[in-house]
Amino acid sequence: MVLNADCPLDSGNTRPSVHQEEESILLGDSQLQGGKTVSQKLQIQKMKLSFLRRCVKLKRPPPTLRVKGASTIPDTSKLRHFSVLETLMLGEAIKTCLNEVKRLNKLLKAGSHANKPLDQKAEREIQEKYLKKLDFYKQQEETEWKNWPTKTEDILRLIENNKKRVNFKNRKHRVKRRIERQAKKLVAEGSVVILVQEQIPPGAICVLGKGLGYVPTPSLDKEGTRLDLRLATNRTRTLR
């Protein structure tokens, strides 16, 4: 039995398994984006991103992000675990789609690709397709998915927490790459001359590039300073 986007049932497998197809065929992208310009692909990806974000509060995501066979299990506690897993998979799909939107935006700004948008008819057809999917999924919540738990705040928070972890990781990588680029520039310009054979860390080269008068100082802990001042004031009052 093969599931399509509007199939109301799972595969019927007795053993649940994660079924996640490649991003290139998620939600029919291969059909939607075949032979499209960068501008048209960007429009389609934005509509898809909006669709995925609207699926977050539904009980279950699109079929390609579901745990197959999970609906055959009556245990509500297990269904909650499956709901958490499907929510995480949906969060990954949203992140992938968002990255694709950013990539297409960069290509479009570079000006090296055709900038021909979708005509209104084609755009309306794609929007109507996603709206029909959302309406169908909402109907399923009252029938096939009535035993599935409603998305609680702790489940929805999984996507937000995952987003924060990814952003923090990306920020650390950006800082590291910036320091490495700055170190290479200082050495290339001759601002810092390395006279030893040992490997000098990029951070040390950047500090040397600031000059001999530069003294690194730790960032000020404002809360800790206030607490120390308050403790010192209290001791002074006690001694009096």
C-alpha atoms as a PDB file:
ATOM      1  CA  MET A   1       0.000   0.000   0.000  1.00  0.00           C
ATOM      2  CA  VAL A   2       1.413   3.357  -1.045  1.00  0.00           C
ATOM      3  CA  LEU A   3       0.540   6.542   0.801  1.00  0.00           C
ATOM      4  CA  ASN A   4      -0.095   9.747  -1.055  1.00  0.00           C
ATOM      5  CA  ALA A   5      -0.347  13.239   0.395  1.00  0.00           C
ATOM      6  CA  ASP A   6      -4.064  12.915   1.048  1.00  0.00           C
ATOM      7  CA  CYS A   7      -4.233   9.317   2.244  1.00  0.00           C
ATOM      8  CA  PRO A   8      -6.118   9.157   5.604  1.00  0.00           C
ATOM      9  CA  LEU A   9      -4.371   5.991   6.767  1.00  0.00           C
ATOM     10  CA  ASP A  10      -0.883   4.935   7.712  1.00  0.00           C
ATOM     11  CA  SER A  11       0.826   2.085   5.908  1.00  0.00           C
ATOM     12  CA  GLY A  12      -0.684  -0.459   8.276  1.00  0.00           C
ATOM     13  CA  ASN A  13       2.686  -1.802   9.390  1.00  0.00           C
ATOM     14  CA  THR A  14       2.583  -3.390  12.824  1.00  0.00           C
ATOM     15  CA  ARG A  15       6.081  -2.104  13.575  1.00  0.00           C
ATOM     16  CA  PRO A  16       6.420   1.685  13.505  1.00  0.00           C
ATOM     17  CA  SER A  17       9.235   2.991  11.340  1.00  0.00           C
ATOM     18  CA  VAL A  18      10.376   6.453  10.370  1.00  0.00           C
ATOM     19  CA  HIS A  19       9.522   7.233   6.774  1.00  0.00           C
ATOM     20  CA  GLN A  20      11.261  10.362   5.537  1.00  0.00           C
ATOM     21  CA  GLU A  21      11.960  10.808   1.847  1.00  0.00           C
ATOM     22  CA  GLU A  22      14.638  13.057   0.430  1.00  0.00           C
ATOM     23  CA  GLU A  23      13.980  16.775   0.560  1.00  0.00           C
ATOM     24  CA  SER A  24      13.961  16.972  -3.237  1.00  0.00           C
ATOM     25  CA  ILE A  25      10.697  15.010  -3.398  1.00  0.00           C
ATOM     26  CA  LEU A  26       9.120  16.274  -0.154  1.00  0.00           C
ATOM     27  CA  LEU A  27       5.554  17.431  -0.835  1.00  0.00           C
ATOM     28  CA  GLY A  28       6.008  16.937  -4.575  1.00  0.00           C
ATOM     29  CA  ASP A  29       8.811  19.452  -5.034  1.00  0.00           C
ATOM     30  CA  SER A  30      10.253  17.573  -8.004  1.00  0.00           C
ATOM     31  CA  GLN A  31       6.985  18.153  -9.853  1.00  0.00           C
ATOM     32  CA  LEU A  32       6.520  21.715  -8.657  1.00  0.00           C
ATOM     33  CA  GLN A  33      10.017  22.976  -9.437  1.00  0.00           C
ATOM     34  CA  GLY A  34      10.902  21.147 -12.628  1.00  0.00           C
ATOM     35  CA  GLY A  35      12.213  23.626 -15.213  1.00  0.00           C
ATOM     36  CA  LYS A  36      11.541  26.663 -12.996  1.00  0.00           C
ATOM     37  CA  THR A  37      13.660  29.806 -12.759  1.00  0.00           C
ATOM     38  CA  VAL A  38      15.400  30.743  -9.508  1.00  0.00           C
ATOM     39  CA  SER A  39      12.756  33.371  -8.796  1.00  0.00           C
ATOM     40  CA  GLN A  40       9.956  30.850  -9.324  1.00  0.00           C
ATOM     41  CA  LYS A  41      11.687  28.228  -7.154  1.00  0.00           C
ATOM     42  CA  LEU A  42      12.046  30.853  -4.438  1.00  0.00           C
ATOM     43  CA  GLN A  43       8.312  31.599  -4.546  1.00  0.00           C
ATOM     44  CA  ILE A  44       7.490  27.891  -4.306  1.00  0.00           C
ATOM     45  CA  GLN A  45       9.896  27.364  -1.396  1.00  0.00           C
ATOM     46  CA  LYS A  46       8.381  30.307   0.488  1.00  0.00           C
ATOM     47  CA  MET A  47       4.896  28.892   0.054  1.00  0.00           C
ATOM     48  CA  LYS A  48       6.125  25.488   1.187  1.00  0.00           C
ATOM     49  CA  LEU A  49       7.837  27.023   4.220  1.00  0.00           C
ATOM     50  CA  SER A  50       4.601  28.774   5.173  1.00  0.00           C
ATOM     51  CA  PHE A  51       2.725  25.469   4.778  1.00  0.00           C
ATOM     52  CA  LEU A  52       5.170  23.551   6.993  1.00  0.00           C
ATOM     53  CA  ARG A  53       5.029  26.214   9.689  1.00  0.00           C
ATOM     54  CA  ARG A  54       1.238  26.014   9.714  1.00  0.00           C
ATOM     55  CA  CYS A  55       1.522  22.233  10.179  1.00  0.00           C
ATOM     56  CA  VAL A  56       3.408  22.665  13.457  1.00  0.00           C
ATOM     57  CA  LYS A  57       0.292  22.915  15.638  1.00  0.00           C
ATOM     58  CA  LEU A  58      -1.524  20.089  13.870  1.00  0.00           C
ATOM     59  CA  LYS A  59      -1.532  16.670  15.517  1.00  0.00           C
ATOM     60  CA  ARG A  60       0.531  15.130  12.699  1.00  0.00           C
ATOM     61  CA  PRO A  61       2.823  16.488   9.943  1.00  0.00           C
ATOM     62  CA  PRO A  62       2.657  15.709   6.184  1.00  0.00           C
ATOM     63  CA  PRO A  63       2.888  11.975   5.263  1.00  0.00           C
ATOM     64  CA  THR A  64       6.605  11.973   4.394  1.00  0.00           C
ATOM     65  CA  LEU A  65       7.405  13.083   7.969  1.00  0.00           C
ATOM     66  CA  ARG A  66       5.183  10.631   9.839  1.00  0.00           C
ATOM     67  CA  VAL A  67       5.966   7.466  11.782  1.00  0.00           C
ATOM     68  CA  LYS A  68       4.419   4.725   9.672  1.00  0.00           C
ATOM     69  CA  GLY A  69       2.155   2.290  11.468  1.00  0.00           C
ATOM     70  CA  ALA A  70       1.894   4.453  14.573  1.00  0.00           C
ATOM     71  CA  SER A  71      -1.891   4.838  14.310  1.00  0.00           C
ATOM     72  CA  THR A  72      -2.322   1.079  14.830  1.00  0.00           C
ATOM     73  CA  ILE A  73      -1.025   1.420  18.406  1.00  0.00           C
ATOM     74  CA  PRO A  74      -3.806   2.325  20.912  1.00  0.00           C
ATOM     75  CA  ASP A  75      -1.435   3.256  23.759  1.00  0.00           C
ATOM     76  CA  THR A  76      -1.743   7.050  24.137  1.00  0.00           C
ATOM     77  CA  SER A  77       1.579   7.323  26.000  1.00  0.00           C
ATOM     78  CA  LYS A  78       3.391   5.776  23.037  1.00  0.00           C
ATOM     79  CA  LEU A  79       1.512   8.049  20.656  1.00  0.00           C
ATOM     80  CA  ARG A  80       2.889  11.005  22.570  1.00  0.00           C
ATOM     81  CA  HIS A  81       6.450   9.771  21.956  1.00  0.00           C
ATOM     82  CA  PHE A  82       5.666   9.388  18.267  1.00  0.00           C
ATOM     83  CA  SER A  83       4.217  12.907  18.267  1.00  0.00           C
ATOM     84  CA  VAL A  84       7.480  14.239  19.716  1.00  0.00           C
ATOM     85  CA  LEU A  85       9.488  12.389  17.044  1.00  0.00           C
ATOM     86  CA  GLU A  86       7.279  13.670  14.234  1.00  0.00           C
ATOM     87  CA  THR A  87       7.525  17.213  15.613  1.00  0.00           C
ATOM     88  CA  LEU A  88      11.328  17.001  15.551  1.00  0.00           C
ATOM     89  CA  MET A  89      11.245  15.708  11.983  1.00  0.00           C
ATOM     90  CA  LEU A  90       8.950  18.565  11.000  1.00  0.00           C
ATOM     91  CA  GLY A  91      11.367  21.017  12.624  1.00  0.00           C
ATOM     92  CA  GLU A  92      14.232  19.594  10.546  1.00  0.00           C
ATOM     93  CA  ALA A  93      12.131  19.927   7.378  1.00  0.00           C
ATOM     94  CA  ILE A  94      11.381  23.574   8.231  1.00  0.00           C
ATOM     95  CA  LYS A  95      15.086  24.235   8.809  1.00  0.00           C
ATOM     96  CA  THR A  96      16.016  22.611   5.483  1.00  0.00           C
ATOM     97  CA  CYS A  97      13.356  24.619   3.642  1.00  0.00           C
ATOM     98  CA  LEU A  98      14.502  27.854   5.304  1.00  0.00           C
ATOM     99  CA  ASN A  99      18.109  27.182   4.259  1.00  0.00           C
ATOM    100  CA  GLU A 100      16.939  26.612   0.679  1.00  0.00           C
ATOM    101  CA  VAL A 101      15.071  29.938   0.745  1.00  0.00           C
ATOM    102  CA  LYS A 102      18.250  31.687   1.900  1.00  0.00           C
ATOM    103  CA  ARG A 103      20.310  29.961  -0.813  1.00  0.00           C
ATOM    104  CA  LEU A 104      17.889  30.951  -3.563  1.00  0.00           C
ATOM    105  CA  ASN A 105      17.781  34.516  -2.234  1.00  0.00           C
ATOM    106  CA  LYS A 106      21.569  34.737  -2.558  1.00  0.00           C
ATOM    107  CA  LEU A 107      21.449  33.405  -6.115  1.00  0.00           C
ATOM    108  CA  LEU A 108      18.754  35.909  -7.002  1.00  0.00           C
ATOM    109  CA  LYS A 109      20.682  38.832  -5.498  1.00  0.00           C
ATOM    110  CA  ALA A 110      23.821  37.786  -7.397  1.00  0.00           C
ATOM    111  CA  GLY A 111      21.929  38.612 -10.595  1.00  0.00           C
ATOM    112  CA  SER A 112      23.316  35.662 -12.553  1.00  0.00           C
ATOM    113  CA  HIS A 113      19.951  33.909 -12.965  1.00  0.00           C
ATOM    114  CA  ALA A 114      16.689  34.734 -14.676  1.00  0.00           C
ATOM    115  CA  ASN A 115      14.304  36.729 -12.521  1.00  0.00           C
ATOM    116  CA  LYS A 116      10.963  35.645 -13.920  1.00  0.00           C
ATOM    117  CA  PRO A 117       8.304  35.147 -11.212  1.00  0.00           C
ATOM    118  CA  LEU A 118       5.386  32.735 -11.357  1.00  0.00           C
ATOM    119  CA  ASP A 119       2.248  33.912 -13.097  1.00  0.00           C
ATOM    120  CA  GLN A 120      -0.735  34.521 -10.843  1.00  0.00           C
ATOM    121  CA  LYS A 121      -2.571  31.389 -12.010  1.00  0.00           C
ATOM    122  CA  ALA A 122       0.322  29.052 -11.205  1.00  0.00           C
ATOM    123  CA  GLU A 123       0.926  30.726  -7.842  1.00  0.00           C
ATOM    124  CA  ARG A 124      -2.758  30.473  -6.939  1.00  0.00           C
ATOM    125  CA  GLU A 125      -2.841  26.763  -7.887  1.00  0.00           C
ATOM    126  CA  ILE A 126       0.111  25.964  -5.606  1.00  0.00           C
ATOM    127  CA  GLN A 127      -1.393  27.948  -2.727  1.00  0.00           C
ATOM    128  CA  GLU A 128      -4.735  26.166  -3.177  1.00  0.00           C
ATOM    129  CA  LYS A 129      -2.920  22.809  -3.157  1.00  0.00           C
ATOM    130  CA  TYR A 130      -1.345  23.552   0.224  1.00  0.00           C
ATOM    131  CA  LEU A 131      -4.605  24.947   1.620  1.00  0.00           C
ATOM    132  CA  LYS A 132      -6.437  21.758   0.612  1.00  0.00           C
ATOM    133  CA  LYS A 133      -3.790  19.693   2.384  1.00  0.00           C
ATOM    134  CA  LEU A 134      -4.192  21.765   5.561  1.00  0.00           C
ATOM    135  CA  ASP A 135      -7.987  21.444   5.455  1.00  0.00           C
ATOM    136  CA  PHE A 136      -7.679  17.674   4.967  1.00  0.00           C
ATOM    137  CA  TYR A 137      -5.240  17.321   7.894  1.00  0.00           C
ATOM    138  CA  LYS A 138      -7.587  19.311  10.142  1.00  0.00           C
ATOM    139  CA  GLN A 139     -10.425  16.924   9.253  1.00  0.00           C
ATOM    140  CA  GLN A 140      -8.190  13.973  10.094  1.00  0.00           C
ATOM    141  CA  GLU A 141      -7.727  15.318  13.617  1.00  0.00           C
ATOM    142  CA  GLU A 142     -11.392  14.604  14.323  1.00  0.00           C
ATOM    143  CA  THR A 143     -11.406  11.147  12.710  1.00  0.00           C
ATOM    144  CA  GLU A 144      -8.248   9.104  12.114  1.00  0.00           C
ATOM    145  CA  TRP A 145      -6.102  11.112  14.523  1.00  0.00           C
ATOM    146  CA  LYS A 146      -8.606  11.630  17.323  1.00  0.00           C
ATOM    147  CA  ASN A 147      -6.497   9.472  19.705  1.00  0.00           C
ATOM    148  CA  TRP A 148      -3.351  11.452  18.969  1.00  0.00           C
ATOM    149  CA  PRO A 149      -2.385  14.049  21.582  1.00  0.00           C
ATOM    150  CA  THR A 150      -2.860  17.721  20.874  1.00  0.00           C
ATOM    151  CA  LYS A 151       0.463  19.541  20.569  1.00  0.00           C
ATOM    152  CA  THR A 152       1.280  20.876  24.035  1.00  0.00           C
ATOM    153  CA  GLU A 153       3.705  23.701  24.799  1.00  0.00           C
ATOM    154  CA  ASP A 154       6.488  21.287  25.807  1.00  0.00           C
ATOM    155  CA  ILE A 155       6.245  19.518  22.425  1.00  0.00           C
ATOM    156  CA  LEU A 156       6.071  22.761  20.436  1.00  0.00           C
ATOM    157  CA  ARG A 157       9.056  24.052  22.394  1.00  0.00           C
ATOM    158  CA  LEU A 158      11.194  21.295  20.864  1.00  0.00           C
ATOM    159  CA  ILE A 159      11.289  23.116  17.528  1.00  0.00           C
ATOM    160  CA  GLU A 160      12.168  26.445  19.166  1.00  0.00           C
ATOM    161  CA  ASN A 161      14.894  24.891  21.341  1.00  0.00           C
ATOM    162  CA  ASN A 162      16.361  23.052  18.362  1.00  0.00           C
ATOM    163  CA  LYS A 163      16.393  26.325  16.431  1.00  0.00           C
ATOM    164  CA  LYS A 164      18.272  28.072  19.250  1.00  0.00           C
ATOM    165  CA  ARG A 165      20.890  25.307  19.427  1.00  0.00           C
ATOM    166  CA  VAL A 166      21.459  25.472  15.674  1.00  0.00           C
ATOM    167  CA  ASN A 167      21.712  29.275  15.713  1.00  0.00           C
ATOM    168  CA  PHE A 168      24.246  29.164  18.563  1.00  0.00           C
ATOM    169  CA  LYS A 169      26.301  26.554  16.735  1.00  0.00           C
ATOM    170  CA  ASN A 170      26.241  28.580  13.512  1.00  0.00           C
ATOM    171  CA  ARG A 171      27.219  31.723  15.422  1.00  0.00           C
ATOM    172  CA  LYS A 172      30.264  29.975  16.892  1.00  0.00           C
ATOM    173  CA  HIS A 173      31.318  28.813  13.428  1.00  0.00           C
ATOM    174  CA  ARG A 174      30.912  32.324  12.006  1.00  0.00           C
ATOM    175  CA  VAL A 175      33.086  33.801  14.772  1.00  0.00           C
ATOM    176  CA  LYS A 176      35.738  31.145  14.201  1.00  0.00           C
ATOM    177  CA  ARG A 177      35.814  31.746  10.437  1.00  0.00           C
ATOM    178  CA  ARG A 178      35.993  35.527  10.950  1.00  0.00           C
ATOM    179  CA  ILE A 179      39.000  35.171  13.279  1.00  0.00           C
ATOM    180  CA  GLU A 180      40.734  32.868  10.784  1.00  0.00           C
ATOM    181  CA  ARG A 181      40.168  35.316   7.904  1.00  0.00           C
ATOM    182  CA  GLN A 182      41.410  38.234   9.996  1.00  0.00           C
ATOM    183  CA  ALA A 183      44.566  36.300  11.023  1.00  0.00           C
ATOM    184  CA  LYS A 184      45.386  35.440   7.399  1.00  0.00           C
ATOM    185  CA  LYS A 185      44.928  39.075   6.389  1.00  0.00           C
ATOM    186  CA  LEU A 186      47.260  40.336   9.162  1.00  0.00           C
ATOM    187  CA  VAL A 187      50.000  37.890   8.128  1.00  0.00           C
ATOM    188  CA  ALA A 188      49.555  38.666   4.417  1.00  0.00           C
ATOM    189  CA  GLU A 189      49.768  42.445   5.010  1.00  0.00           C
ATOM    190  CA  GLY A 190      52.858  42.074   7.210  1.00  0.00           C
ATOM    191  CA  SER A 191      51.192  43.559  10.280  1.00  0.00           C
ATOM    192  CA  VAL A 192      52.182  40.391  12.152  1.00  0.00           C
ATOM    193  CA  VAL A 193      55.421  38.584  11.282  1.00  0.00           C
ATOM    194  CA  ILE A 194      55.825  35.001  12.473  1.00  0.00           C
ATOM    195  CA  LEU A 195      59.493  34.123  13.117  1.00  0.00           C
ATOM    196  CA  VAL A 196      58.984  30.647  14.600  1.00  0.00           C
ATOM    197  CA  GLN A 197      58.185  27.295  13.033  1.00  0.00           C
ATOM    198  CA  GLU A 198      55.439  26.522  15.553  1.00  0.00           C
ATOM    199  CA  GLN A 199      51.764  26.796  14.676  1.00  0.00           C
ATOM    200  CA  ILE A 200      50.332  30.053  16.050  1.00  0.00           C
ATOM    201  CA  PRO A 201      46.569  30.035  16.804  1.00  0.00           C
ATOM    202  CA  PRO A 202      44.541  32.517  14.693  1.00  0.00           C
ATOM    203  CA  GLY A 203      43.219  34.141  17.878  1.00  0.00           C
ATOM    204  CA  ALA A 204      46.755  34.890  19.080  1.00  0.00           C
ATOM    205  CA  ILE A 205      47.624  36.449  15.697  1.00  0.00           C
ATOM    206  CA  CYS A 206      44.548  38.683  15.913  1.00  0.00           C
ATOM    207  CA  VAL A 207      45.569  39.843  19.410  1.00  0.00           C
ATOM    208  CA  LEU A 208      49.113  40.623  18.196  1.00  0.00           C
ATOM    209  CA  GLY A 209      47.635  42.570  15.298  1.00  0.00           C
ATOM    210  CA  LYS A 210      46.001  45.011  17.720  1.00  0.00           C
ATOM    211  CA  GLY A 211      49.440  46.306  18.764  1.00  0.00           C
ATOM    212  CA  LEU A 212      51.665  46.116  21.820  1.00  0.00           C
ATOM    213  CA  GLY A 213      49.490  48.563  23.744  1.00  0.00           C
ATOM    214  CA  TYR A 214      46.430  46.302  23.609  1.00  0.00           C
ATOM    215  CA  VAL A 215      45.584  44.551  26.887  1.00  0.00           C
ATOM    216  CA  PRO A 216      42.800  41.918  26.759  1.00  0.00           C
ATOM    217  CA  THR A 217      40.287  42.335  29.574  1.00  0.00           C
ATOM    218  CA  PRO A 218      37.441  39.976  30.516  1.00  0.00           C
ATOM    219  CA  SER A 219      33.871  41.103  29.986  1.00  0.00           C
ATOM    220  CA  LEU A 220      32.295  42.740  33.025  1.00  0.00           C
ATOM    221  CA  ASP A 221      29.814  40.665  34.986  1.00  0.00           C
ATOM    222  CA  LYS A 222      27.321  43.379  35.925  1.00  0.00           C
ATOM    223  CA  GLU A 223      25.160  41.177  38.141  1.00  0.00           C
ATOM    224  CA  GLY A 224      28.210  39.839  39.984  1.00  0.00           C
ATOM    225  CA  THR A 225      29.577  43.379  40.475  1.00  0.00           C
ATOM    226  CA  ARG A 226      26.251  44.592  41.899  1.00  0.00           C
ATOM    227  CA  LEU A 227      26.150  41.631  44.274  1.00  0.00           C
ATOM    228  CA  ASP A 228      29.728  42.282  45.472  1.00  0.00           C
ATOM    229  CA  LEU A 229      28.938  45.979  46.069  1.00  0.00           C
ATOM    230  CA  ARG A 230      25.779  45.072  47.998  1.00  0.00           C
ATOM    231  CA  LEU A 231      27.692  42.564  50.161  1.00  0.00           C
ATOM    232  CA  ALA A 232      30.448  45.121  50.821  1.00  0.00           C
ATOM    233  CA  THR A 233      27.836  47.744  51.827  1.00  0.00           C
ATOM    234  CA  ASN A 234      26.126  45.293  54.177  1.00  0.00           C
ATOM    235  CA  ARG A 235      29.451  44.437  55.871  1.00  0.00           C
ATOM    236  CA  THR A 236      30.218  48.135  56.358  1.00  0.00           C
ATOM    237  CA  ARG A 237      26.836  48.706  57.984  1.00  0.00           C
ATOM    238  CA  THR A 238      27.303  45.668  60.232  1.00  0.00           C
ATOM    239  CA  LEU A 239      30.717  46.928  61.452  1.00  0.00           C
ATOM    240  CA  ARG A 240      29.225  50.269  62.409  1.00  0.00           C
END
